[in-house]
Amino acid sequence: MPKAKTRKSAAKRMGLTSTGKVTMRHSFASHQLTRKSAARKRRQRLPGLLSGSDVRQARRMMPGSG
């Protein structure tokens, strides 16, 4: 069986924590920032956690990372 390859597009956008949760960047945080509140922009700077329903698919795309 050949080695499983990581989907680089997924690896660039997501990461794994040591406990196995999948972290991601928030969407809508890169332009048209004048109309967004300061609190919203502050929250979007922090890494987010992928919802539980998407975790299985994300981990399948990154087989070498856990």
C-alpha atoms as a PDB file:
ATOM      1  CA  MET A   1       0.000   0.000   0.000  1.00  0.00           C
ATOM      2  CA  PRO A   2       1.499   3.406  -0.930  1.00  0.00           C
ATOM      3  CA  LYS A   3       2.068   6.102   1.638  1.00  0.00           C
ATOM      4  CA  ALA A   4      -0.887   8.378   2.217  1.00  0.00           C
ATOM      5  CA  LYS A   5      -0.204  11.900   0.992  1.00  0.00           C
ATOM      6  CA  THR A   6      -1.255  15.057   2.786  1.00  0.00           C
ATOM      7  CA  ARG A   7      -3.491  17.435   0.870  1.00  0.00           C
ATOM      8  CA  LYS A   8      -1.351  20.542   0.944  1.00  0.00           C
ATOM      9  CA  SER A   9      -4.322  22.856   0.456  1.00  0.00           C
ATOM     10  CA  ALA A  10      -5.774  21.542   3.724  1.00  0.00           C
ATOM     11  CA  ALA A  11      -2.452  21.590   5.573  1.00  0.00           C
ATOM     12  CA  LYS A  12      -1.946  25.274   4.721  1.00  0.00           C
ATOM     13  CA  ARG A  13      -5.358  26.191   6.118  1.00  0.00           C
ATOM     14  CA  MET A  14      -5.674  23.929   9.159  1.00  0.00           C
ATOM     15  CA  GLY A  15      -3.580  22.529  11.962  1.00  0.00           C
ATOM     16  CA  LEU A  16      -3.938  19.975  14.732  1.00  0.00           C
ATOM     17  CA  THR A  17      -3.637  20.581  18.450  1.00  0.00           C
ATOM     18  CA  SER A  18      -1.919  18.066  20.709  1.00  0.00           C
ATOM     19  CA  THR A  19      -5.320  16.785  21.849  1.00  0.00           C
ATOM     20  CA  GLY A  20      -6.448  16.161  18.263  1.00  0.00           C
ATOM     21  CA  LYS A  21      -8.698  19.161  17.707  1.00  0.00           C
ATOM     22  CA  VAL A  22      -8.478  20.885  14.317  1.00  0.00           C
ATOM     23  CA  THR A  23      -7.658  24.604  14.308  1.00  0.00           C
ATOM     24  CA  MET A  24      -8.437  26.980  11.460  1.00  0.00           C
ATOM     25  CA  ARG A  25      -8.379  30.622  10.496  1.00  0.00           C
ATOM     26  CA  HIS A  26     -11.627  32.549  10.567  1.00  0.00           C
ATOM     27  CA  SER A  27     -13.207  33.642   7.321  1.00  0.00           C
ATOM     28  CA  PHE A  28     -14.219  37.226   6.467  1.00  0.00           C
ATOM     29  CA  ALA A  29     -11.196  38.696   8.265  1.00  0.00           C
ATOM     30  CA  SER A  30      -9.065  40.045   5.438  1.00  0.00           C
ATOM     31  CA  HIS A  31     -10.787  42.974   3.734  1.00  0.00           C
ATOM     32  CA  GLN A  32     -13.602  45.519   4.143  1.00  0.00           C
ATOM     33  CA  LEU A  33     -12.568  45.825   7.760  1.00  0.00           C
ATOM     34  CA  THR A  34     -13.929  49.343   8.306  1.00  0.00           C
ATOM     35  CA  ARG A  35     -17.522  48.131   8.463  1.00  0.00           C
ATOM     36  CA  LYS A  36     -16.777  45.361  10.971  1.00  0.00           C
ATOM     37  CA  SER A  37     -16.778  46.032  14.692  1.00  0.00           C
ATOM     38  CA  ALA A  38     -13.550  46.002  16.679  1.00  0.00           C
ATOM     39  CA  ALA A  39     -14.811  43.115  18.792  1.00  0.00           C
ATOM     40  CA  ARG A  40     -15.567  41.044  15.691  1.00  0.00           C
ATOM     41  CA  LYS A  41     -12.113  41.701  14.214  1.00  0.00           C
ATOM     42  CA  ARG A  42     -10.478  40.865  17.533  1.00  0.00           C
ATOM     43  CA  ARG A  43     -12.294  37.519  17.726  1.00  0.00           C
ATOM     44  CA  GLN A  44     -11.327  36.680  14.153  1.00  0.00           C
ATOM     45  CA  ARG A  45      -7.627  37.161  14.886  1.00  0.00           C
ATOM     46  CA  LEU A  46      -7.671  34.145  17.201  1.00  0.00           C
ATOM     47  CA  PRO A  47      -7.560  30.642  15.753  1.00  0.00           C
ATOM     48  CA  GLY A  48     -10.911  28.899  15.603  1.00  0.00           C
ATOM     49  CA  LEU A  49     -11.792  25.266  16.124  1.00  0.00           C
ATOM     50  CA  LEU A  50     -13.352  23.280  13.328  1.00  0.00           C
ATOM     51  CA  SER A  51     -16.859  22.032  14.095  1.00  0.00           C
ATOM     52  CA  GLY A  52     -17.194  18.391  15.050  1.00  0.00           C
ATOM     53  CA  SER A  53     -18.962  17.395  11.858  1.00  0.00           C
ATOM     54  CA  ASP A  54     -15.999  18.546   9.729  1.00  0.00           C
ATOM     55  CA  VAL A  55     -13.171  17.120  11.841  1.00  0.00           C
ATOM     56  CA  ARG A  56     -13.323  13.630  10.349  1.00  0.00           C
ATOM     57  CA  GLN A  57     -13.020  14.956   6.805  1.00  0.00           C
ATOM     58  CA  ALA A  58     -10.179  17.336   7.753  1.00  0.00           C
ATOM     59  CA  ARG A  59      -8.159  14.605   9.468  1.00  0.00           C
ATOM     60  CA  ARG A  60      -8.595  12.363   6.454  1.00  0.00           C
ATOM     61  CA  MET A  61      -7.008  15.058   4.294  1.00  0.00           C
ATOM     62  CA  MET A  62      -4.004  15.267   6.641  1.00  0.00           C
ATOM     63  CA  PRO A  63      -3.100  11.625   7.384  1.00  0.00           C
ATOM     64  CA  GLY A  64       0.475  12.219   8.546  1.00  0.00           C
ATOM     65  CA  SER A  65      -0.439  14.650  11.293  1.00  0.00           C
ATOM     66  CA  GLY A  66      -2.132  12.379  13.714  1.00  0.00           C
END
